[in-house]
Amino acid sequence: MKAIVILLDTLNRRMLQAYNGQTWVKTPNISRLAKKSVVFDQHWAGSLPCMPARRDLLTGRLDFLERGWGGMEPFDRTLTQTLKSHGVFSHMVTDHYHYFATGGENYCQTFDTWDFHRGQENDPWVSRVCPPQMPPKLLGQTRPQYEKNRRAIVAETDYPGPQTMQAACRWLEDNRDADRFFLMVEAFDPHEPFDAPQRYLELYGDDYEGPRFNWPWYDKVMEPPEAIRHLRKRYAANLTMIDHWLGKLLDTMDRLELWDDTLVIFTTDHGLLLGEHELTGKNFMHVYNELAHLPLLIHVPGMRASGRRIAALTQNIDLMPTVLDFFDIPIPETVRGQSLLRLIDGSQEKLRDYALYGMFGLTVNLTDGEHTYMRAPVREDNVPCYAYTAMPTTFRSYYGTGDPARIETGRFLSYTNYPVFRFPYSQEGRPFMQLKHARESLLFNIREDYDQLAPIRNAELEAFYAARLKEAMRAESAPAEQFVRLGLE
């Protein structure tokens, strides 16, 4: 028995043929995998963005109600540690450089072995003392380190995403006679900046002649319409490139006949806005469907389930217990997710009535598959709000450095006796995640208005979903001040 999780970062569900029937984006290998898999139609994010999503995936519980971006906690009971204690070997191959930056501690280190491929985005890889020549004209953003990195990539096989997929193929070849292993294959693509060889962009008939635009700001759209069309084509080109190299991994699985005894899970952490809602990026706005409604494909050996679609609500916190269940390993009591195998074999019709998701310190969101409710803080200053962690690192920085006198320690988390720091959390000085475009609560009927363009103004219905949100937060042991912050106390 073997298991492989394939995660492509920032994968937009609506770009995939498996979900839209026909789409202008070319992803034949994701479609090829979908034909061997069960397709989940109501799969939702939990915690966003990158590292919070990975803590969800590896611990089976939501991160975003108690802290934001940060390392794996010393008290976390992880998928990989649980596998190891039951004799299952784990390996990660990735080009996701956030694992190796401040705020990404202790994730890859929980695997038996890991393999890192360099060069994505701001990865401190190419070492040149002299600053690089910056582009004379530019839409969107860039960074000096990124400019250094991109000049070191010449051939398609030099790109970190293709290198990651090739390394996964080699690992499977090297371990072709092994059993009881877990392989995580994680590519940063199609995360921005949207880089790919010109031949992929040519597939989309791109005729843009303006300044370079491959890395959007996280903000309102300020660029002309032709630039946004070009940006979407650059995203598509990047996605088609990594889909091509995903095909090499599927070829290797075919050749080694792995489908007969290997669980395969394919998903993402979140999506990205590419001009929808007149916004680009993430983290500054409501968690719209483009960000939170995710693809999930699962191949289970021995189950005649290929091509089936499942409409039950699922989330990324369900992936850890699914892998453990596949290996017949007991699921730790700290896990809040549930195994998806019961949905796939038909013995269970649903796991939950609501999916709860969001980003720490921003809105808290709920869906039942018919409506989405996005609850915003009631105070302009977004207090009270505390981050709880024993690992006081966050996105390229540290919690609490601005006001250390207000830091407290104690046994504040109900599911562990491990003492943690409690940091008063303020968005001041934290440009990465702000409530810039999410100041009001919104309710949508996503069956009639999937694009979430027409908020419902119905006090009775909003009260109903506010009560459901409160119940869901209680079930997840949300800290008491979160209810106060959202006006749900």
Protein backbone atom coordinates (compact mmCIF):
# COMPACT_ATOMS: atom_id res chain seq x y z
CA MET A 1 0.00 0.00 0.00
CA LYS A 2 1.28 3.42 -1.00
CA ALA A 3 -0.08 6.97 -1.04
CA ILE A 4 0.81 10.02 -3.12
CA VAL A 5 -0.48 13.55 -2.54
CA ILE A 6 0.04 15.93 -5.45
CA LEU A 7 -0.46 19.59 -4.57
CA LEU A 8 -0.24 22.41 -7.12
CA ASP A 9 -0.18 25.81 -5.42
CA THR A 10 -2.76 28.47 -6.40
CA LEU A 11 -4.75 26.19 -8.70
CA ASN A 12 -7.97 27.82 -9.89
CA ARG A 13 -10.78 25.28 -10.01
CA ARG A 14 -12.67 27.07 -12.78
CA MET A 15 -9.66 26.66 -15.09
CA LEU A 16 -9.98 22.84 -15.11
CA GLN A 17 -11.88 20.77 -17.66
CA ALA A 18 -12.81 18.28 -14.92
CA TYR A 19 -14.98 20.98 -13.37
CA ASN A 20 -16.15 22.98 -16.37
CA GLY A 21 -16.52 20.35 -19.07
CA GLN A 22 -14.85 22.64 -21.56
CA THR A 23 -12.40 25.41 -20.74
CA TRP A 24 -9.96 27.53 -22.69
CA VAL A 25 -7.10 26.41 -20.43
CA LYS A 26 -5.20 23.33 -21.60
CA THR A 27 -4.67 20.81 -18.78
CA PRO A 28 -4.91 17.38 -20.47
CA ASN A 29 -3.01 15.55 -17.73
CA ILE A 30 -5.19 16.82 -14.89
CA SER A 31 -8.14 15.62 -17.01
CA ARG A 32 -6.34 12.31 -17.48
CA LEU A 33 -6.00 11.94 -13.71
CA ALA A 34 -9.65 12.91 -13.21
CA LYS A 35 -10.73 9.96 -15.38
CA LYS A 36 -9.01 7.61 -12.92
CA SER A 37 -10.44 9.40 -9.88
CA VAL A 38 -13.46 10.42 -7.90
CA VAL A 39 -14.17 14.12 -8.48
CA PHE A 40 -15.29 16.11 -5.42
CA ASP A 41 -17.62 18.97 -6.35
CA GLN A 42 -17.92 20.66 -2.95
CA HIS A 43 -14.35 20.72 -1.70
CA TRP A 44 -13.42 23.85 0.25
CA ALA A 45 -10.38 25.43 1.77
CA GLY A 46 -9.94 25.61 5.51
CA SER A 47 -7.12 27.98 6.44
CA LEU A 48 -5.52 30.28 3.89
CA PRO A 49 -2.99 31.09 2.45
CA CYS A 50 0.07 28.82 1.96
CA MET A 51 1.49 27.73 5.33
CA PRO A 52 -1.84 27.77 7.22
CA ALA A 53 -3.27 25.50 4.51
CA ARG A 54 -0.36 23.10 4.93
CA ARG A 55 -0.80 22.95 8.68
CA ASP A 56 -4.46 22.05 8.05
CA LEU A 57 -3.42 19.31 5.66
CA LEU A 58 -0.77 17.78 7.92
CA THR A 59 -2.68 18.03 11.24
CA GLY A 60 -6.30 17.52 10.17
CA ARG A 61 -7.52 20.58 12.06
CA LEU A 62 -8.11 24.26 11.26
CA ASP A 63 -5.27 26.70 11.84
CA PHE A 64 -6.82 30.10 11.07
CA LEU A 65 -8.95 30.60 14.18
CA GLU A 66 -5.98 30.59 16.55
CA ARG A 67 -3.03 31.87 14.50
CA GLY A 68 -1.89 32.74 11.02
CA TRP A 69 1.20 31.98 8.96
CA GLY A 70 3.76 30.09 11.02
CA GLY A 71 5.71 26.92 11.68
CA MET A 72 4.47 23.54 12.73
CA GLU A 73 3.84 23.56 16.48
CA PRO A 74 5.73 21.24 18.87
CA PHE A 75 2.40 19.90 20.15
CA ASP A 76 0.98 19.19 16.67
CA ARG A 77 0.23 15.54 15.91
CA THR A 78 1.10 15.35 12.25
CA LEU A 79 0.29 12.98 9.44
CA THR A 80 3.95 12.22 8.79
CA GLN A 81 4.84 11.56 12.43
CA THR A 82 1.81 9.27 12.78
CA LEU A 83 2.78 7.39 9.62
CA LYS A 84 6.35 7.00 10.86
CA SER A 85 5.18 5.53 14.18
CA HIS A 86 3.31 2.85 12.18
CA GLY A 87 6.16 1.96 9.85
CA VAL A 88 5.19 4.07 6.82
CA PHE A 89 8.10 5.93 5.18
CA SER A 90 7.42 9.51 4.05
CA HIS A 91 9.19 11.69 1.49
CA MET A 92 8.50 15.19 0.17
CA VAL A 93 9.71 16.66 -3.10
CA THR A 94 8.97 20.37 -3.52
CA ASP A 95 10.02 23.74 -4.89
CA HIS A 96 7.86 25.61 -2.38
CA TYR A 97 10.51 27.81 -0.81
CA HIS A 98 8.28 29.06 2.05
CA TYR A 99 9.06 25.79 3.85
CA PHE A 100 12.64 27.02 4.23
CA ALA A 101 11.99 30.66 5.17
CA THR A 102 11.15 32.23 8.53
CA GLY A 103 7.60 31.16 9.36
CA GLY A 104 7.87 27.77 7.64
CA GLU A 105 9.68 25.77 10.30
CA ASN A 106 9.20 22.05 11.03
CA TYR A 107 7.05 21.02 8.07
CA CYS A 108 9.45 19.18 5.77
CA GLN A 109 11.46 18.05 8.81
CA THR A 110 8.59 15.81 9.92
CA PHE A 111 9.13 13.70 6.78
CA ASP A 112 11.71 10.90 6.79
CA THR A 113 13.44 12.59 3.84
CA TRP A 114 12.81 15.65 1.70
CA ASP A 115 14.08 17.12 -1.56
CA PHE A 116 14.01 20.88 -2.32
CA HIS A 117 14.36 22.46 -5.78
CA ARG A 118 15.44 26.07 -5.88
CA GLY A 119 14.50 29.24 -7.69
CA GLN A 120 10.84 30.10 -7.24
CA GLU A 121 9.83 33.72 -6.67
CA ASN A 122 11.97 35.28 -3.89
CA ASP A 123 13.83 32.10 -2.92
CA PRO A 124 17.29 33.35 -1.75
CA TRP A 125 19.00 31.14 -4.30
CA VAL A 126 21.14 32.98 -6.86
CA SER A 127 23.84 34.79 -4.89
CA ARG A 128 25.08 37.96 -6.57
CA VAL A 129 26.35 40.86 -4.49
CA CYS A 130 25.67 43.46 -7.17
CA PRO A 131 21.98 44.33 -7.63
CA PRO A 132 20.34 43.06 -10.82
CA GLN A 133 19.21 45.28 -13.65
CA MET A 134 15.51 45.92 -13.06
CA PRO A 135 12.97 46.10 -15.92
CA PRO A 136 12.58 49.67 -17.24
CA LYS A 137 8.81 49.32 -17.56
CA LEU A 138 6.63 47.09 -15.44
CA LEU A 139 3.03 46.45 -14.50
CA GLY A 140 2.54 44.67 -11.21
CA GLN A 141 5.47 43.85 -8.96
CA THR A 142 8.92 42.34 -8.92
CA ARG A 143 11.80 41.87 -6.44
CA PRO A 144 15.59 42.01 -6.88
CA GLN A 145 16.02 38.39 -5.77
CA TYR A 146 13.38 37.24 -8.23
CA GLU A 147 15.19 39.08 -11.04
CA LYS A 148 18.40 37.27 -10.09
CA ASN A 149 16.66 33.90 -10.02
CA ARG A 150 14.84 34.23 -13.33
CA ARG A 151 18.08 35.03 -15.19
CA ALA A 152 19.50 31.67 -14.08
CA ILE A 153 16.69 29.71 -15.77
CA VAL A 154 17.44 29.03 -19.43
CA ALA A 155 15.86 25.74 -20.52
CA GLU A 156 12.41 24.43 -19.58
CA THR A 157 14.03 21.69 -17.51
CA ASP A 158 15.68 24.42 -15.41
CA TYR A 159 12.35 25.66 -14.08
CA PRO A 160 11.75 24.56 -10.47
CA GLY A 161 8.30 23.08 -11.20
CA PRO A 162 9.52 20.71 -13.92
CA GLN A 163 12.52 19.82 -11.73
CA THR A 164 10.14 18.92 -8.91
CA MET A 165 8.09 16.59 -11.10
CA GLN A 166 11.22 14.98 -12.56
CA ALA A 167 12.58 14.40 -9.06
CA ALA A 168 9.32 12.73 -8.03
CA CYS A 169 9.61 10.42 -11.05
CA ARG A 170 13.18 9.50 -10.10
CA TRP A 171 12.15 8.82 -6.49
CA LEU A 172 9.40 6.45 -7.62
CA GLU A 173 11.85 4.68 -9.95
CA ASP A 174 14.44 4.37 -7.16
CA ASN A 175 11.80 2.93 -4.81
CA ARG A 176 9.91 0.82 -7.31
CA ASP A 177 10.18 -2.30 -5.13
CA ALA A 178 9.20 -0.55 -1.87
CA ASP A 179 5.90 -0.71 -0.05
CA ARG A 180 4.18 1.35 2.68
CA PHE A 181 5.37 4.79 1.68
CA PHE A 182 3.80 8.25 1.51
CA LEU A 183 5.06 10.64 -1.16
CA MET A 184 4.10 14.32 -1.22
CA VAL A 185 4.75 16.03 -4.55
CA GLU A 186 4.29 19.75 -4.18
CA ALA A 187 4.85 22.24 -7.01
CA PHE A 188 4.74 26.01 -6.45
CA ASP A 189 3.30 26.47 -9.98
CA PRO A 190 0.94 27.95 -11.01
CA HIS A 191 1.61 30.42 -8.18
CA GLU A 192 2.71 33.83 -9.38
CA PRO A 193 5.02 35.09 -10.89
CA PHE A 194 3.62 33.37 -13.98
CA ASP A 195 6.76 32.21 -15.76
CA ALA A 196 6.90 29.60 -18.51
CA PRO A 197 8.68 29.18 -21.86
CA GLN A 198 7.22 31.24 -24.69
CA ARG A 199 5.81 28.16 -26.42
CA TYR A 200 3.19 27.79 -23.70
CA LEU A 201 2.10 31.42 -24.00
CA GLU A 202 1.81 30.99 -27.77
CA LEU A 203 -0.81 28.29 -27.20
CA TYR A 204 -3.14 31.07 -26.03
CA GLY A 205 -2.68 33.46 -28.95
CA ASP A 206 -1.24 36.17 -26.74
CA ASP A 207 -0.63 39.42 -28.63
CA TYR A 208 0.05 41.69 -25.66
CA GLU A 209 2.69 44.36 -26.35
CA GLY A 210 2.68 46.32 -23.10
CA PRO A 211 5.14 46.36 -20.17
CA ARG A 212 5.98 43.07 -18.47
CA PHE A 213 3.08 41.89 -16.34
CA ASN A 214 3.49 38.46 -14.77
CA TRP A 215 3.14 39.22 -11.05
CA PRO A 216 0.04 41.16 -9.97
CA TRP A 217 -0.31 43.36 -6.94
CA TYR A 218 -2.68 42.12 -4.25
CA ASP A 219 -5.09 45.00 -4.69
CA LYS A 220 -7.81 46.55 -6.84
CA VAL A 221 -7.31 46.27 -10.57
CA MET A 222 -5.34 49.28 -11.75
CA GLU A 223 -4.17 47.87 -15.08
CA PRO A 224 -5.92 48.21 -18.47
CA PRO A 225 -8.18 45.37 -19.69
CA GLU A 226 -5.65 44.12 -22.24
CA ALA A 227 -3.09 43.68 -19.45
CA ILE A 228 -5.54 41.64 -17.35
CA ARG A 229 -6.27 39.42 -20.38
CA HIS A 230 -2.52 38.94 -20.79
CA LEU A 231 -2.15 38.13 -17.07
CA ARG A 232 -4.78 35.40 -17.35
CA LYS A 233 -2.99 33.94 -20.35
CA ARG A 234 0.30 33.98 -18.45
CA TYR A 235 -1.41 32.10 -15.60
CA ALA A 236 -2.79 29.62 -18.14
CA ALA A 237 0.66 29.16 -19.73
CA ASN A 238 2.22 28.49 -16.33
CA LEU A 239 -0.55 26.00 -15.51
CA THR A 240 -0.18 24.22 -18.86
CA MET A 241 3.56 23.89 -18.30
CA ILE A 242 3.20 22.23 -14.90
CA ASP A 243 0.37 20.07 -16.28
CA HIS A 244 2.78 18.84 -18.97
CA TRP A 245 5.30 17.78 -16.32
CA LEU A 246 2.57 16.27 -14.17
CA GLY A 247 2.02 14.05 -17.19
CA LYS A 248 5.57 12.70 -16.78
CA LEU A 249 4.68 11.69 -13.23
CA LEU A 250 1.51 9.94 -14.42
CA ASP A 251 3.57 8.19 -17.12
CA THR A 252 5.91 6.90 -14.42
CA MET A 253 2.97 5.60 -12.41
CA ASP A 254 1.67 3.84 -15.52
CA ARG A 255 5.04 2.24 -16.23
CA LEU A 256 5.50 1.07 -12.63
CA GLU A 257 1.86 -0.12 -12.42
CA LEU A 258 1.28 1.90 -9.26
CA TRP A 259 -2.43 2.49 -9.79
CA ASP A 260 -3.27 -0.97 -8.47
CA ASP A 261 -2.04 -0.35 -4.92
CA THR A 262 -1.60 3.43 -4.56
CA LEU A 263 -3.93 6.06 -3.16
CA VAL A 264 -3.53 9.29 -5.19
CA ILE A 265 -4.87 12.64 -3.97
CA PHE A 266 -4.67 15.74 -6.16
CA THR A 267 -5.60 19.19 -4.83
CA THR A 268 -4.43 22.73 -4.03
CA ASP A 269 -4.22 25.13 -1.10
CA HIS A 270 -6.22 28.05 -2.55
CA GLY A 271 -6.98 29.90 -5.76
CA LEU A 272 -6.20 33.43 -6.95
CA LEU A 273 -8.19 36.39 -8.24
CA LEU A 274 -7.18 37.40 -11.75
CA GLY A 275 -9.42 40.43 -12.15
CA GLU A 276 -12.64 38.92 -10.78
CA HIS A 277 -14.42 41.32 -8.42
CA GLU A 278 -12.07 43.98 -9.88
CA LEU A 279 -9.28 42.55 -7.71
CA THR A 280 -6.06 40.61 -8.19
CA GLY A 281 -4.26 38.37 -5.70
CA LYS A 282 -5.48 37.20 -2.29
CA ASN A 283 -5.31 38.09 1.44
CA PHE A 284 -6.76 41.61 1.11
CA MET A 285 -10.33 40.78 0.27
CA HIS A 286 -13.24 38.50 1.01
CA VAL A 287 -12.52 34.81 0.51
CA TYR A 288 -14.56 34.53 -2.66
CA ASN A 289 -15.25 31.21 -4.38
CA GLU A 290 -12.29 31.77 -6.70
CA LEU A 291 -10.08 31.52 -3.61
CA ALA A 292 -11.90 28.98 -1.43
CA HIS A 293 -13.72 26.49 -3.71
CA LEU A 294 -11.01 23.99 -4.59
CA PRO A 295 -10.43 21.01 -6.88
CA LEU A 296 -10.03 17.58 -5.33
CA LEU A 297 -9.45 14.33 -7.23
CA ILE A 298 -8.89 11.01 -5.44
CA HIS A 299 -7.93 7.66 -6.93
CA VAL A 300 -8.50 4.72 -4.56
CA PRO A 301 -7.08 1.38 -5.73
CA GLY A 302 -9.57 -1.46 -5.73
CA MET A 303 -12.66 0.79 -5.63
CA ARG A 304 -14.79 0.96 -8.76
CA ALA A 305 -15.31 4.67 -8.35
CA SER A 306 -13.49 6.28 -11.28
CA GLY A 307 -15.50 9.03 -12.92
CA ARG A 308 -17.93 9.35 -10.00
CA ARG A 309 -18.71 12.77 -8.61
CA ILE A 310 -19.33 13.44 -4.93
CA ALA A 311 -21.38 16.43 -3.81
CA ALA A 312 -20.78 16.16 -0.05
CA LEU A 313 -18.95 19.05 1.63
CA THR A 314 -15.26 18.28 2.19
CA GLN A 315 -12.18 20.26 3.24
CA ASN A 316 -8.40 19.92 3.25
CA ILE A 317 -8.50 18.89 6.93
CA ASP A 318 -10.05 15.64 5.67
CA LEU A 319 -6.93 14.58 3.76
CA MET A 320 -4.85 13.57 6.80
CA PRO A 321 -7.47 11.16 8.20
CA THR A 322 -8.09 9.81 4.69
CA VAL A 323 -4.43 8.81 4.27
CA LEU A 324 -4.33 7.28 7.77
CA ASP A 325 -7.55 5.38 7.12
CA PHE A 326 -6.13 4.03 3.86
CA PHE A 327 -3.15 2.60 5.79
CA ASP A 328 -5.52 1.34 8.53
CA ILE A 329 -3.83 3.56 11.13
CA PRO A 330 -5.87 4.98 14.06
CA ILE A 331 -6.69 8.68 13.66
CA PRO A 332 -5.44 10.87 16.56
CA GLU A 333 -8.13 12.37 18.77
CA THR A 334 -6.88 15.89 17.96
CA VAL A 335 -7.98 15.54 14.31
CA ARG A 336 -11.14 17.42 13.33
CA GLY A 337 -11.31 16.23 9.72
CA GLN A 338 -12.85 12.92 8.65
CA SER A 339 -11.80 10.20 6.24
CA LEU A 340 -13.15 10.57 2.71
CA LEU A 341 -13.02 6.83 2.06
CA ARG A 342 -16.50 6.37 3.51
CA LEU A 343 -17.89 8.84 0.96
CA ILE A 344 -16.04 7.08 -1.85
CA ASP A 345 -17.23 3.57 -0.96
CA GLY A 346 -20.78 4.85 -0.46
CA SER A 347 -21.12 3.86 3.18
CA GLN A 348 -21.56 7.50 4.22
CA GLU A 349 -23.46 10.30 2.46
CA LYS A 350 -21.95 13.34 4.14
CA LEU A 351 -19.28 14.38 6.65
CA ARG A 352 -20.51 17.82 7.69
CA ASP A 353 -23.33 20.30 7.22
CA TYR A 354 -21.05 23.31 6.85
CA ALA A 355 -17.51 24.12 5.75
CA LEU A 356 -15.73 26.77 7.82
CA TYR A 357 -12.82 28.65 6.24
CA GLY A 358 -10.84 31.88 6.28
CA MET A 359 -7.61 33.72 6.98
CA PHE A 360 -6.47 34.57 10.48
CA GLY A 361 -7.58 38.02 11.64
CA LEU A 362 -9.80 38.60 8.61
CA THR A 363 -13.35 37.45 7.88
CA VAL A 364 -14.63 34.06 9.03
CA ASN A 365 -16.65 32.26 6.37
CA LEU A 366 -19.20 29.47 6.15
CA THR A 367 -20.86 27.56 3.33
CA ASP A 368 -23.44 24.80 3.13
CA GLY A 369 -23.01 24.48 -0.64
CA GLU A 370 -26.07 26.67 -1.26
CA HIS A 371 -25.10 29.89 0.49
CA THR A 372 -21.81 31.43 1.57
CA TYR A 373 -21.69 33.77 4.54
CA MET A 374 -18.69 36.02 5.09
CA ARG A 375 -18.62 37.55 8.57
CA ALA A 376 -16.49 40.67 8.97
CA PRO A 377 -15.21 42.15 12.25
CA VAL A 378 -17.60 44.61 13.87
CA ARG A 379 -14.91 47.11 14.94
CA GLU A 380 -12.76 49.17 12.62
CA ASP A 381 -9.64 48.28 14.64
CA ASN A 382 -10.46 44.52 14.43
CA VAL A 383 -10.01 43.84 18.15
CA PRO A 384 -9.90 41.76 20.24
CA CYS A 385 -7.70 39.39 18.29
CA TYR A 386 -4.89 37.16 19.59
CA ALA A 387 -2.46 34.77 17.93
CA TYR A 388 -1.59 31.63 19.91
CA THR A 389 1.64 29.82 19.17
CA ALA A 390 4.70 28.19 20.71
CA MET A 391 6.61 29.02 17.51
CA PRO A 392 6.59 32.84 17.40
CA THR A 393 7.64 33.13 13.77
CA THR A 394 5.29 34.32 11.05
CA PHE A 395 5.64 35.44 7.43
CA ARG A 396 9.34 36.43 7.22
CA SER A 397 9.16 37.97 10.69
CA TYR A 398 8.31 37.37 14.35
CA TYR A 399 5.20 37.89 16.43
CA GLY A 400 5.22 40.44 19.21
CA THR A 401 8.41 42.37 18.46
CA GLY A 402 6.59 45.72 18.41
CA ASP A 403 5.10 45.45 21.91
CA PRO A 404 6.74 42.62 23.89
CA ALA A 405 5.32 43.88 27.20
CA ARG A 406 1.86 42.69 26.13
CA ILE A 407 2.91 39.12 25.35
CA GLU A 408 1.38 36.51 27.68
CA THR A 409 2.08 32.82 28.15
CA GLY A 410 -0.23 30.10 29.35
CA ARG A 411 -2.17 26.95 28.53
CA PHE A 412 -4.70 28.76 26.38
CA LEU A 413 -5.57 26.04 23.83
CA SER A 414 -8.20 23.50 24.83
CA TYR A 415 -6.74 20.55 22.89
CA THR A 416 -3.22 20.65 24.33
CA ASN A 417 -1.60 21.18 27.71
CA TYR A 418 1.44 22.68 26.02
CA PRO A 419 1.94 26.34 27.02
CA VAL A 420 1.84 28.89 24.22
CA PHE A 421 2.45 32.59 23.71
CA ARG A 422 -0.56 34.85 23.29
CA PHE A 423 0.14 37.86 21.10
CA PRO A 424 -2.23 40.81 20.68
CA TYR A 425 -2.65 40.85 16.92
CA SER A 426 -2.89 44.05 14.93
CA GLN A 427 -2.94 44.55 11.19
CA GLU A 428 -0.85 47.67 11.55
CA GLY A 429 2.53 47.02 10.01
CA ARG A 430 1.32 43.75 8.46
CA PRO A 431 0.80 44.57 4.78
CA PHE A 432 0.62 40.90 3.82
CA MET A 433 -2.87 40.33 5.25
CA GLN A 434 -5.32 43.17 5.75
CA LEU A 435 -9.07 43.82 5.72
CA LYS A 436 -8.59 46.37 2.96
CA HIS A 437 -11.50 45.13 0.81
CA ALA A 438 -13.47 43.06 3.35
CA ARG A 439 -15.00 45.51 5.80
CA GLU A 440 -18.63 44.34 5.62
CA SER A 441 -20.35 41.01 6.12
CA LEU A 442 -21.77 39.46 2.93
CA LEU A 443 -24.24 36.68 2.15
CA PHE A 444 -24.58 35.01 -1.27
CA ASN A 445 -26.72 32.30 -2.82
CA ILE A 446 -24.00 30.50 -4.77
CA ARG A 447 -26.39 28.16 -6.57
CA GLU A 448 -28.02 31.13 -8.26
CA ASP A 449 -25.05 33.53 -8.07
CA TYR A 450 -21.89 31.42 -8.07
CA ASP A 451 -19.74 34.40 -9.08
CA GLN A 452 -20.89 36.21 -5.91
CA LEU A 453 -21.84 39.44 -7.63
CA ALA A 454 -25.18 40.15 -5.91
CA PRO A 455 -25.11 40.08 -2.07
CA ILE A 456 -28.38 39.11 -0.42
CA ARG A 457 -29.91 41.70 1.92
CA ASN A 458 -32.08 39.52 4.15
CA ALA A 459 -31.76 40.05 7.89
CA GLU A 460 -33.57 36.82 8.81
CA LEU A 461 -31.41 34.67 6.52
CA GLU A 462 -28.24 36.39 7.68
CA ALA A 463 -29.23 35.74 11.31
CA PHE A 464 -29.71 32.07 10.45
CA TYR A 465 -26.22 31.78 8.97
CA ALA A 466 -24.68 33.86 11.77
CA ALA A 467 -26.07 31.31 14.24
CA ARG A 468 -24.69 28.44 12.14
CA LEU A 469 -21.31 30.18 11.99
CA LYS A 470 -21.29 30.53 15.76
CA GLU A 471 -22.07 26.80 16.15
CA ALA A 472 -19.33 25.83 13.71
CA MET A 473 -16.77 28.01 15.46
CA ARG A 474 -17.69 26.49 18.82
CA ALA A 475 -17.30 23.00 17.36
CA GLU A 476 -13.77 23.98 16.26
CA SER A 477 -12.91 25.35 19.75
CA ALA A 478 -12.41 28.89 18.46
CA PRO A 479 -10.87 31.24 21.06
CA ALA A 480 -13.50 33.26 22.93
CA GLU A 481 -12.34 36.62 21.61
CA GLN A 482 -13.06 35.56 18.02
CA PHE A 483 -16.77 35.61 18.83
CA VAL A 484 -16.42 39.11 20.28
CA ARG A 485 -14.39 40.33 17.29
CA LEU A 486 -17.13 39.19 14.91
CA GLY A 487 -20.02 40.40 17.04
CA LEU A 488 -21.19 36.85 17.79
CA GLU A 489 -20.74 36.85 21.59
